[in-house]
Amino acid sequence: MGKAATFVRAGREALPAMHDRLARLERFLGTEEEPWALHQAYALMPKADFSRSVLEPCPPFLAVSEMPGVTWSDLGSPRRVQDVVHRALRSTPWWLGADLKAS
């Protein structure tokens, strides 16, 4: 758990090229060009794993604290979202959708 600005700072320091590319999107937000700009930014951006590239190097302004009873879940795919919801609710709700169930 942390402030978004702190994670943005960590991302900027660990992955400056990615941060710069995303920062350039601001001028397109809310315009007709926004979908195109987002597609271009992500299509041309090198892939990176947030946990490995940003959190593992652990910049000095990040800290880890034990939280008993709390489980970490990497929600990197629709299937993982479904699994977490299913475990939390002990059933699969109708609103989860067939697309996620097939993932």
PDB file of N, CA and C in Angstrom:
ATOM      1  N   MET A   1       0.842  -1.161   0.000  1.00  0.00           N
ATOM      2  CA  MET A   1       0.000   0.000   0.000  1.00  0.00           C
ATOM      3  C   MET A   1       0.896   1.235   0.000  1.00  0.00           C
ATOM      4  N   GLY A   2       0.538   2.200  -0.754  1.00  0.00           N
ATOM      5  CA  GLY A   2       1.323   3.411  -0.800  1.00  0.00           C
ATOM      6  C   GLY A   2       0.637   4.458  -1.655  1.00  0.00           C
ATOM      7  N   LYS A   3       1.189   5.632  -1.657  1.00  0.00           N
ATOM      8  CA  LYS A   3       0.636   6.723  -2.455  1.00  0.00           C
ATOM      9  C   LYS A   3       1.037   6.519  -3.917  1.00  0.00           C
ATOM     10  N   ALA A   4       0.109   6.841  -4.802  1.00  0.00           N
ATOM     11  CA  ALA A   4       0.372   6.688  -6.230  1.00  0.00           C
ATOM     12  C   ALA A   4       1.604   7.480  -6.643  1.00  0.00           C
ATOM     13  N   ALA A   5       1.769   8.665  -6.116  1.00  0.00           N
ATOM     14  CA  ALA A   5       2.912   9.505  -6.484  1.00  0.00           C
ATOM     15  C   ALA A   5       4.238   8.829  -6.139  1.00  0.00           C
ATOM     16  N   THR A   6       4.266   8.064  -5.056  1.00  0.00           N
ATOM     17  CA  THR A   6       5.489   7.366  -4.672  1.00  0.00           C
ATOM     18  C   THR A   6       5.819   6.269  -5.677  1.00  0.00           C
ATOM     19  N   PHE A   7       4.800   5.537  -6.124  1.00  0.00           N
ATOM     20  CA  PHE A   7       5.031   4.489  -7.116  1.00  0.00           C
ATOM     21  C   PHE A   7       5.399   5.081  -8.472  1.00  0.00           C
ATOM     22  N   VAL A   8       4.813   6.220  -8.818  1.00  0.00           N
ATOM     23  CA  VAL A   8       5.183   6.894 -10.062  1.00  0.00           C
ATOM     24  C   VAL A   8       6.651   7.312  -9.990  1.00  0.00           C
ATOM     25  N   ARG A   9       7.058   7.836  -8.859  1.00  0.00           N
ATOM     26  CA  ARG A   9       8.469   8.237  -8.681  1.00  0.00           C
ATOM     27  C   ARG A   9       9.387   7.030  -8.826  1.00  0.00           C
ATOM     28  N   ALA A  10       9.020   5.919  -8.208  1.00  0.00           N
ATOM     29  CA  ALA A  10       9.832   4.701  -8.305  1.00  0.00           C
ATOM     30  C   ALA A  10       9.909   4.237  -9.756  1.00  0.00           C
ATOM     31  N   GLY A  11       8.790   4.288 -10.462  1.00  0.00           N
ATOM     32  CA  GLY A  11       8.782   3.914 -11.872  1.00  0.00           C
ATOM     33  C   GLY A  11       9.633   4.842 -12.720  1.00  0.00           C
ATOM     34  N   ARG A  12       9.561   6.123 -12.429  1.00  0.00           N
ATOM     35  CA  ARG A  12      10.361   7.115 -13.171  1.00  0.00           C
ATOM     36  C   ARG A  12      11.853   6.841 -12.984  1.00  0.00           C
ATOM     37  N   GLU A  13      12.245   6.499 -11.763  1.00  0.00           N
ATOM     38  CA  GLU A  13      13.661   6.240 -11.499  1.00  0.00           C
ATOM     39  C   GLU A  13      14.132   4.914 -12.075  1.00  0.00           C
ATOM     40  N   ALA A  14      13.281   3.882 -12.020  1.00  0.00           N
ATOM     41  CA  ALA A  14      13.681   2.557 -12.490  1.00  0.00           C
ATOM     42  C   ALA A  14      13.547   2.403 -14.001  1.00  0.00           C
ATOM     43  N   LEU A  15      12.529   3.038 -14.582  1.00  0.00           N
ATOM     44  CA  LEU A  15      12.235   2.885 -16.010  1.00  0.00           C
ATOM     45  C   LEU A  15      12.002   4.256 -16.641  1.00  0.00           C
ATOM     46  N   PRO A  16      13.044   5.078 -16.729  1.00  0.00           N
ATOM     47  CA  PRO A  16      12.848   6.457 -17.198  1.00  0.00           C
ATOM     48  C   PRO A  16      12.284   6.563 -18.613  1.00  0.00           C
ATOM     49  N   ALA A  17      12.684   5.695 -19.526  1.00  0.00           N
ATOM     50  CA  ALA A  17      12.174   5.779 -20.900  1.00  0.00           C
ATOM     51  C   ALA A  17      10.674   5.496 -20.929  1.00  0.00           C
ATOM     52  N   MET A  18      10.236   4.528 -20.134  1.00  0.00           N
ATOM     53  CA  MET A  18       8.813   4.201 -20.070  1.00  0.00           C
ATOM     54  C   MET A  18       8.035   5.360 -19.448  1.00  0.00           C
ATOM     55  N   HIS A  19       8.575   5.919 -18.389  1.00  0.00           N
ATOM     56  CA  HIS A  19       7.919   7.042 -17.726  1.00  0.00           C
ATOM     57  C   HIS A  19       7.783   8.225 -18.679  1.00  0.00           C
ATOM     58  N   ASP A  20       8.841   8.539 -19.401  1.00  0.00           N
ATOM     59  CA  ASP A  20       8.803   9.663 -20.331  1.00  0.00           C
ATOM     60  C   ASP A  20       7.755   9.449 -21.420  1.00  0.00           C
ATOM     61  N   ARG A  21       7.669   8.234 -21.934  1.00  0.00           N
ATOM     62  CA  ARG A  21       6.689   7.928 -22.974  1.00  0.00           C
ATOM     63  C   ARG A  21       5.272   8.128 -22.438  1.00  0.00           C
ATOM     64  N   LEU A  22       5.013   7.648 -21.228  1.00  0.00           N
ATOM     65  CA  LEU A  22       3.683   7.804 -20.637  1.00  0.00           C
ATOM     66  C   LEU A  22       3.393   9.263 -20.292  1.00  0.00           C
ATOM     67  N   ALA A  23       4.399  10.000 -19.852  1.00  0.00           N
ATOM     68  CA  ALA A  23       4.206  11.408 -19.505  1.00  0.00           C
ATOM     69  C   ALA A  23       3.795  12.223 -20.726  1.00  0.00           C
ATOM     70  N   ARG A  24       4.262  11.829 -21.907  1.00  0.00           N
ATOM     71  CA  ARG A  24       3.910  12.554 -23.130  1.00  0.00           C
ATOM     72  C   ARG A  24       2.444  12.385 -23.514  1.00  0.00           C
ATOM     73  N   LEU A  25       1.767  11.430 -22.902  1.00  0.00           N
ATOM     74  CA  LEU A  25       0.358  11.188 -23.214  1.00  0.00           C
ATOM     75  C   LEU A  25      -0.563  12.274 -22.675  1.00  0.00           C
ATOM     76  N   GLU A  26      -0.105  13.024 -21.699  1.00  0.00           N
ATOM     77  CA  GLU A  26      -0.966  13.992 -21.020  1.00  0.00           C
ATOM     78  C   GLU A  26      -1.652  14.942 -21.996  1.00  0.00           C
ATOM     79  N   ARG A  27      -0.945  15.391 -23.012  1.00  0.00           N
ATOM     80  CA  ARG A  27      -1.539  16.359 -23.943  1.00  0.00           C
ATOM     81  C   ARG A  27      -2.648  15.757 -24.802  1.00  0.00           C
ATOM     82  N   PHE A  28      -2.735  14.416 -24.849  1.00  0.00           N
ATOM     83  CA  PHE A  28      -3.769  13.752 -25.645  1.00  0.00           C
ATOM     84  C   PHE A  28      -4.993  13.360 -24.830  1.00  0.00           C
ATOM     85  N   LEU A  29      -4.902  13.417 -23.514  1.00  0.00           N
ATOM     86  CA  LEU A  29      -6.008  12.983 -22.670  1.00  0.00           C
ATOM     87  C   LEU A  29      -7.249  13.820 -22.920  1.00  0.00           C
ATOM     88  N   GLY A  30      -8.374  13.145 -23.129  1.00  0.00           N
ATOM     89  CA  GLY A  30      -9.629  13.834 -23.371  1.00  0.00           C
ATOM     90  C   GLY A  30      -9.819  14.314 -24.793  1.00  0.00           C
ATOM     91  N   THR A  31      -8.893  13.986 -25.689  1.00  0.00           N
ATOM     92  CA  THR A  31      -9.023  14.392 -27.086  1.00  0.00           C
ATOM     93  C   THR A  31      -9.386  13.180 -27.944  1.00  0.00           C
ATOM     94  N   GLU A  32      -9.717  13.439 -29.195  1.00  0.00           N
ATOM     95  CA  GLU A  32     -10.003  12.351 -30.134  1.00  0.00           C
ATOM     96  C   GLU A  32      -8.765  11.504 -30.392  1.00  0.00           C
ATOM     97  N   GLU A  33      -7.599  12.067 -30.197  1.00  0.00           N
ATOM     98  CA  GLU A  33      -6.351  11.350 -30.454  1.00  0.00           C
ATOM     99  C   GLU A  33      -5.913  10.458 -29.284  1.00  0.00           C
ATOM    100  N   GLU A  34      -6.626  10.529 -28.152  1.00  0.00           N
ATOM    101  CA  GLU A  34      -6.220   9.759 -26.974  1.00  0.00           C
ATOM    102  C   GLU A  34      -6.087   8.259 -27.252  1.00  0.00           C
ATOM    103  N   PRO A  35      -7.084   7.596 -27.864  1.00  0.00           N
ATOM    104  CA  PRO A  35      -6.927   6.149 -28.115  1.00  0.00           C
ATOM    105  C   PRO A  35      -5.704   5.833 -28.976  1.00  0.00           C
ATOM    106  N   TRP A  36      -5.488   6.633 -30.016  1.00  0.00           N
ATOM    107  CA  TRP A  36      -4.325   6.421 -30.884  1.00  0.00           C
ATOM    108  C   TRP A  36      -3.025   6.609 -30.107  1.00  0.00           C
ATOM    109  N   ALA A  37      -2.958   7.672 -29.311  1.00  0.00           N
ATOM    110  CA  ALA A  37      -1.740   7.970 -28.552  1.00  0.00           C
ATOM    111  C   ALA A  37      -1.440   6.856 -27.548  1.00  0.00           C
ATOM    112  N   LEU A  38      -2.464   6.380 -26.856  1.00  0.00           N
ATOM    113  CA  LEU A  38      -2.264   5.274 -25.915  1.00  0.00           C
ATOM    114  C   LEU A  38      -1.762   4.035 -26.633  1.00  0.00           C
ATOM    115  N   HIS A  39      -2.380   3.723 -27.752  1.00  0.00           N
ATOM    116  CA  HIS A  39      -1.953   2.543 -28.519  1.00  0.00           C
ATOM    117  C   HIS A  39      -0.499   2.680 -28.941  1.00  0.00           C
ATOM    118  N   GLN A  40      -0.142   3.827 -29.462  1.00  0.00           N
ATOM    119  CA  GLN A  40       1.237   4.053 -29.905  1.00  0.00           C
ATOM    120  C   GLN A  40       2.228   3.952 -28.741  1.00  0.00           C
ATOM    121  N   ALA A  41       1.878   4.566 -27.625  1.00  0.00           N
ATOM    122  CA  ALA A  41       2.784   4.551 -26.471  1.00  0.00           C
ATOM    123  C   ALA A  41       3.059   3.127 -26.024  1.00  0.00           C
ATOM    124  N   TYR A  42       2.011   2.332 -25.895  1.00  0.00           N
ATOM    125  CA  TYR A  42       2.191   0.959 -25.420  1.00  0.00           C
ATOM    126  C   TYR A  42       2.802   0.057 -26.485  1.00  0.00           C
ATOM    127  N   ALA A  43       2.486   0.281 -27.743  1.00  0.00           N
ATOM    128  CA  ALA A  43       3.036  -0.557 -28.817  1.00  0.00           C
ATOM    129  C   ALA A  43       4.541  -0.372 -28.957  1.00  0.00           C
ATOM    130  N   LEU A  44       5.016   0.844 -28.729  1.00  0.00           N
ATOM    131  CA  LEU A  44       6.436   1.142 -28.923  1.00  0.00           C
ATOM    132  C   LEU A  44       7.263   1.036 -27.646  1.00  0.00           C
ATOM    133  N   MET A  45       6.610   0.788 -26.532  1.00  0.00           N
ATOM    134  CA  MET A  45       7.271   0.750 -25.236  1.00  0.00           C
ATOM    135  C   MET A  45       7.858  -0.638 -24.978  1.00  0.00           C
ATOM    136  N   PRO A  46       9.087  -0.707 -24.466  1.00  0.00           N
ATOM    137  CA  PRO A  46       9.606  -2.031 -24.097  1.00  0.00           C
ATOM    138  C   PRO A  46       8.798  -2.588 -22.926  1.00  0.00           C
ATOM    139  N   LYS A  47       8.685  -3.898 -22.878  1.00  0.00           N
ATOM    140  CA  LYS A  47       7.951  -4.545 -21.789  1.00  0.00           C
ATOM    141  C   LYS A  47       8.790  -4.526 -20.521  1.00  0.00           C
ATOM    142  N   ALA A  48       8.118  -4.412 -19.381  1.00  0.00           N
ATOM    143  CA  ALA A  48       8.795  -4.433 -18.090  1.00  0.00           C
ATOM    144  C   ALA A  48       7.858  -5.031 -17.057  1.00  0.00           C
ATOM    145  N   ASP A  49       8.416  -5.712 -16.102  1.00  0.00           N
ATOM    146  CA  ASP A  49       7.655  -6.290 -15.001  1.00  0.00           C
ATOM    147  C   ASP A  49       7.773  -5.337 -13.821  1.00  0.00           C
ATOM    148  N   PHE A  50       6.655  -4.783 -13.369  1.00  0.00           N
ATOM    149  CA  PHE A  50       6.666  -3.792 -12.301  1.00  0.00           C
ATOM    150  C   PHE A  50       7.361  -4.321 -11.045  1.00  0.00           C
ATOM    151  N   SER A  51       7.023  -5.533 -10.650  1.00  0.00           N
ATOM    152  CA  SER A  51       7.615  -6.092  -9.433  1.00  0.00           C
ATOM    153  C   SER A  51       9.126  -6.229  -9.559  1.00  0.00           C
ATOM    154  N   ARG A  52       9.558  -6.804 -10.689  1.00  0.00           N
ATOM    155  CA  ARG A  52      11.000  -7.040 -10.859  1.00  0.00           C
ATOM    156  C   ARG A  52      11.782  -5.769 -11.160  1.00  0.00           C
ATOM    157  N   SER A  53      11.216  -4.914 -12.005  1.00  0.00           N
ATOM    158  CA  SER A  53      11.957  -3.739 -12.453  1.00  0.00           C
ATOM    159  C   SER A  53      11.879  -2.560 -11.500  1.00  0.00           C
ATOM    160  N   VAL A  54      10.776  -2.451 -10.749  1.00  0.00           N
ATOM    161  CA  VAL A  54      10.585  -1.272  -9.897  1.00  0.00           C
ATOM    162  C   VAL A  54      10.683  -1.625  -8.417  1.00  0.00           C
ATOM    163  N   LEU A  55       9.977  -2.658  -7.995  1.00  0.00           N
ATOM    164  CA  LEU A  55       9.928  -2.965  -6.561  1.00  0.00           C
ATOM    165  C   LEU A  55      11.150  -3.734  -6.054  1.00  0.00           C
ATOM    166  N   GLU A  56      11.636  -4.716  -6.824  1.00  0.00           N
ATOM    167  CA  GLU A  56      12.777  -5.507  -6.343  1.00  0.00           C
ATOM    168  C   GLU A  56      14.032  -4.681  -6.081  1.00  0.00           C
ATOM    169  N   PRO A  57      14.360  -3.699  -6.943  1.00  0.00           N
ATOM    170  CA  PRO A  57      15.541  -2.883  -6.630  1.00  0.00           C
ATOM    171  C   PRO A  57      15.355  -2.062  -5.348  1.00  0.00           C
ATOM    172  N   CYS A  58      14.121  -1.901  -4.916  1.00  0.00           N
ATOM    173  CA  CYS A  58      13.739  -1.225  -3.674  1.00  0.00           C
ATOM    174  C   CYS A  58      14.465   0.096  -3.456  1.00  0.00           C
ATOM    175  N   PRO A  59      13.983   1.151  -4.120  1.00  0.00           N
ATOM    176  CA  PRO A  59      14.571   2.468  -3.887  1.00  0.00           C
ATOM    177  C   PRO A  59      14.482   2.826  -2.401  1.00  0.00           C
ATOM    178  N   PRO A  60      15.350   3.679  -1.905  1.00  0.00           N
ATOM    179  CA  PRO A  60      15.387   3.989  -0.470  1.00  0.00           C
ATOM    180  C   PRO A  60      14.100   4.618   0.065  1.00  0.00           C
ATOM    181  N   PHE A  61      13.261   5.162  -0.804  1.00  0.00           N
ATOM    182  CA  PHE A  61      12.030   5.786  -0.325  1.00  0.00           C
ATOM    183  C   PHE A  61      10.855   4.800  -0.275  1.00  0.00           C
ATOM    184  N   LEU A  62      11.094   3.522  -0.623  1.00  0.00           N
ATOM    185  CA  LEU A  62      10.078   2.484  -0.466  1.00  0.00           C
ATOM    186  C   LEU A  62      10.443   1.612   0.724  1.00  0.00           C
ATOM    187  N   ALA A  63       9.449   1.093   1.384  1.00  0.00           N
ATOM    188  CA  ALA A  63       9.684   0.206   2.526  1.00  0.00           C
ATOM    189  C   ALA A  63       8.671  -0.927   2.478  1.00  0.00           C
ATOM    190  N   VAL A  64       8.995  -1.996   3.153  1.00  0.00           N
ATOM    191  CA  VAL A  64       8.115  -3.149   3.231  1.00  0.00           C
ATOM    192  C   VAL A  64       7.703  -3.325   4.676  1.00  0.00           C
ATOM    193  N   SER A  65       6.440  -3.634   4.856  1.00  0.00           N
ATOM    194  CA  SER A  65       5.921  -3.849   6.199  1.00  0.00           C
ATOM    195  C   SER A  65       5.081  -5.115   6.201  1.00  0.00           C
ATOM    196  N   GLU A  66       5.272  -5.960   7.196  1.00  0.00           N
ATOM    197  CA  GLU A  66       4.477  -7.173   7.309  1.00  0.00           C
ATOM    198  C   GLU A  66       3.046  -6.806   7.694  1.00  0.00           C
ATOM    199  N   MET A  67       2.094  -7.448   7.039  1.00  0.00           N
ATOM    200  CA  MET A  67       0.679  -7.212   7.318  1.00  0.00           C
ATOM    201  C   MET A  67       0.000  -8.565   7.511  1.00  0.00           C
ATOM    202  N   PRO A  68      -0.021  -9.064   8.729  1.00  0.00           N
ATOM    203  CA  PRO A  68      -0.642 -10.367   8.968  1.00  0.00           C
ATOM    204  C   PRO A  68      -2.092 -10.376   8.496  1.00  0.00           C
ATOM    205  N   GLY A  69      -2.480 -11.490   7.880  1.00  0.00           N
ATOM    206  CA  GLY A  69      -3.845 -11.631   7.405  1.00  0.00           C
ATOM    207  C   GLY A  69      -4.108 -11.028   6.048  1.00  0.00           C
ATOM    208  N   VAL A  70      -3.097 -10.424   5.433  1.00  0.00           N
ATOM    209  CA  VAL A  70      -3.253  -9.818   4.113  1.00  0.00           C
ATOM    210  C   VAL A  70      -2.441 -10.641   3.127  1.00  0.00           C
ATOM    211  N   THR A  71      -3.045 -10.935   1.993  1.00  0.00           N
ATOM    212  CA  THR A  71      -2.388 -11.741   0.969  1.00  0.00           C
ATOM    213  C   THR A  71      -2.135 -10.885  -0.256  1.00  0.00           C
ATOM    214  N   TRP A  72      -0.945 -11.018  -0.827  1.00  0.00           N
ATOM    215  CA  TRP A  72      -0.610 -10.316  -2.061  1.00  0.00           C
ATOM    216  C   TRP A  72      -1.139 -11.115  -3.233  1.00  0.00           C
ATOM    217  N   SER A  73      -1.740 -10.442  -4.190  1.00  0.00           N
ATOM    218  CA  SER A  73      -2.214 -11.088  -5.410  1.00  0.00           C
ATOM    219  C   SER A  73      -1.777 -10.258  -6.608  1.00  0.00           C
ATOM    220  N   ASP A  74      -1.067 -10.886  -7.517  1.00  0.00           N
ATOM    221  CA  ASP A  74      -0.676 -10.231  -8.759  1.00  0.00           C
ATOM    222  C   ASP A  74      -1.838 -10.375  -9.724  1.00  0.00           C
ATOM    223  N   LEU A  75      -2.541  -9.302 -10.001  1.00  0.00           N
ATOM    224  CA  LEU A  75      -3.729  -9.343 -10.849  1.00  0.00           C
ATOM    225  C   LEU A  75      -3.370  -9.058 -12.297  1.00  0.00           C
ATOM    226  N   GLY A  76      -2.343  -9.717 -12.788  1.00  0.00           N
ATOM    227  CA  GLY A  76      -1.837  -9.452 -14.130  1.00  0.00           C
ATOM    228  C   GLY A  76      -2.610 -10.094 -15.263  1.00  0.00           C
ATOM    229  N   SER A  77      -3.666 -10.841 -14.971  1.00  0.00           N
ATOM    230  CA  SER A  77      -4.456 -11.454 -16.038  1.00  0.00           C
ATOM    231  C   SER A  77      -5.908 -11.572 -15.581  1.00  0.00           C
ATOM    232  N   PRO A  78      -6.825 -11.658 -16.532  1.00  0.00           N
ATOM    233  CA  PRO A  78      -8.230 -11.830 -16.158  1.00  0.00           C
ATOM    234  C   PRO A  78      -8.454 -13.078 -15.305  1.00  0.00           C
ATOM    235  N   ARG A  79      -7.732 -14.131 -15.594  1.00  0.00           N
ATOM    236  CA  ARG A  79      -7.885 -15.377 -14.830  1.00  0.00           C
ATOM    237  C   ARG A  79      -7.504 -15.153 -13.369  1.00  0.00           C
ATOM    238  N   ARG A  80      -6.456 -14.390 -13.111  1.00  0.00           N
ATOM    239  CA  ARG A  80      -6.044 -14.117 -11.728  1.00  0.00           C
ATOM    240  C   ARG A  80      -7.095 -13.288 -10.997  1.00  0.00           C
ATOM    241  N   VAL A  81      -7.715 -12.352 -11.704  1.00  0.00           N
ATOM    242  CA  VAL A  81      -8.795 -11.570 -11.100  1.00  0.00           C
ATOM    243  C   VAL A  81      -9.928 -12.506 -10.703  1.00  0.00           C
ATOM    244  N   GLN A  82     -10.305 -13.388 -11.609  1.00  0.00           N
ATOM    245  CA  GLN A  82     -11.377 -14.338 -11.324  1.00  0.00           C
ATOM    246  C   GLN A  82     -11.030 -15.200 -10.104  1.00  0.00           C
ATOM    247  N   ASP A  83      -9.815 -15.693 -10.045  1.00  0.00           N
ATOM    248  CA  ASP A  83      -9.409 -16.545  -8.918  1.00  0.00           C
ATOM    249  C   ASP A  83      -9.508 -15.805  -7.593  1.00  0.00           C
ATOM    250  N   VAL A  84      -9.063 -14.555  -7.547  1.00  0.00           N
ATOM    251  CA  VAL A  84      -9.115 -13.778  -6.307  1.00  0.00           C
ATOM    252  C   VAL A  84     -10.564 -13.515  -5.903  1.00  0.00           C
ATOM    253  N   VAL A  85     -11.397 -13.138  -6.865  1.00  0.00           N
ATOM    254  CA  VAL A  85     -12.806 -12.888  -6.557  1.00  0.00           C
ATOM    255  C   VAL A  85     -13.469 -14.174  -6.074  1.00  0.00           C
ATOM    256  N   HIS A  86     -13.175 -15.266  -6.748  1.00  0.00           N
ATOM    257  CA  HIS A  86     -13.770 -16.554  -6.356  1.00  0.00           C
ATOM    258  C   HIS A  86     -13.359 -16.941  -4.931  1.00  0.00           C
ATOM    259  N   ARG A  87     -12.087 -16.778  -4.606  1.00  0.00           N
ATOM    260  CA  ARG A  87     -11.613 -17.101  -3.243  1.00  0.00           C
ATOM    261  C   ARG A  87     -12.249 -16.190  -2.209  1.00  0.00           C
ATOM    262  N   ALA A  88     -12.369 -14.917  -2.526  1.00  0.00           N
ATOM    263  CA  ALA A  88     -12.920 -13.959  -1.561  1.00  0.00           C
ATOM    264  C   ALA A  88     -14.411 -14.195  -1.316  1.00  0.00           C
ATOM    265  N   LEU A  89     -15.141 -14.511  -2.382  1.00  0.00           N
ATOM    266  CA  LEU A  89     -16.591 -14.664  -2.261  1.00  0.00           C
ATOM    267  C   LEU A  89     -17.026 -16.121  -2.090  1.00  0.00           C
ATOM    268  N   ARG A  90     -16.083 -17.033  -2.312  1.00  0.00           N
ATOM    269  CA  ARG A  90     -16.353 -18.472  -2.267  1.00  0.00           C
ATOM    270  C   ARG A  90     -17.391 -18.904  -3.304  1.00  0.00           C
ATOM    271  N   SER A  91     -17.500 -18.116  -4.361  1.00  0.00           N
ATOM    272  CA  SER A  91     -18.349 -18.444  -5.508  1.00  0.00           C
ATOM    273  C   SER A  91     -17.953 -17.514  -6.652  1.00  0.00           C
ATOM    274  N   THR A  92     -18.454 -17.793  -7.837  1.00  0.00           N
ATOM    275  CA  THR A  92     -18.172 -16.935  -8.981  1.00  0.00           C
ATOM    276  C   THR A  92     -19.418 -16.123  -9.289  1.00  0.00           C
ATOM    277  N   PRO A  93     -19.378 -14.816  -9.066  1.00  0.00           N
ATOM    278  CA  PRO A  93     -20.569 -13.981  -9.288  1.00  0.00           C
ATOM    279  C   PRO A  93     -20.913 -13.854 -10.767  1.00  0.00           C
ATOM    280  N   TRP A  94     -22.163 -13.617 -11.063  1.00  0.00           N
ATOM    281  CA  TRP A  94     -22.639 -13.496 -12.435  1.00  0.00           C
ATOM    282  C   TRP A  94     -21.939 -12.366 -13.178  1.00  0.00           C
ATOM    283  N   TRP A  95     -21.589 -11.275 -12.465  1.00  0.00           N
ATOM    284  CA  TRP A  95     -21.005 -10.102 -13.115  1.00  0.00           C
ATOM    285  C   TRP A  95     -19.559 -10.298 -13.541  1.00  0.00           C
ATOM    286  N   LEU A  96     -18.956 -11.415 -13.141  1.00  0.00           N
ATOM    287  CA  LEU A  96     -17.574 -11.660 -13.538  1.00  0.00           C
ATOM    288  C   LEU A  96     -17.469 -11.871 -15.034  1.00  0.00           C
ATOM    289  N   GLY A  97     -18.478 -12.435 -15.641  1.00  0.00           N
ATOM    290  CA  GLY A  97     -18.549 -12.540 -17.102  1.00  0.00           C
ATOM    291  C   GLY A  97     -17.899 -13.779 -17.649  1.00  0.00           C
ATOM    292  N   ALA A  98     -18.455 -14.272 -18.726  1.00  0.00           N
ATOM    293  CA  ALA A  98     -17.958 -15.483 -19.382  1.00  0.00           C
ATOM    294  C   ALA A  98     -16.567 -15.288 -19.967  1.00  0.00           C
ATOM    295  N   ASP A  99     -16.242 -14.076 -20.426  1.00  0.00           N
ATOM    296  CA  ASP A  99     -14.925 -13.835 -21.026  1.00  0.00           C
ATOM    297  C   ASP A  99     -13.807 -14.077 -20.034  1.00  0.00           C
ATOM    298  N   LEU A 100     -13.984 -13.640 -18.793  1.00  0.00           N
ATOM    299  CA  LEU A 100     -12.963 -13.843 -17.784  1.00  0.00           C
ATOM    300  C   LEU A 100     -12.859 -15.310 -17.410  1.00  0.00           C
ATOM    301  N   LYS A 101     -13.963 -15.988 -17.344  1.00  0.00           N
ATOM    302  CA  LYS A 101     -13.952 -17.401 -16.960  1.00  0.00           C
ATOM    303  C   LYS A 101     -13.194 -18.245 -17.958  1.00  0.00           C
ATOM    304  N   ALA A 102     -13.192 -17.840 -19.225  1.00  0.00           N
ATOM    305  CA  ALA A 102     -12.517 -18.609 -20.261  1.00  0.00           C
ATOM    306  C   ALA A 102     -11.032 -18.296 -20.346  1.00  0.00           C
ATOM    307  N   SER A 103     -10.581 -17.231 -19.692  1.00  0.00           N
ATOM    308  CA  SER A 103      -9.178 -16.800 -19.787  1.00  0.00           C
ATOM    309  C   SER A 103      -8.248 -17.733 -19.068  1.00  0.00           C
TER     310      SER A 103
END
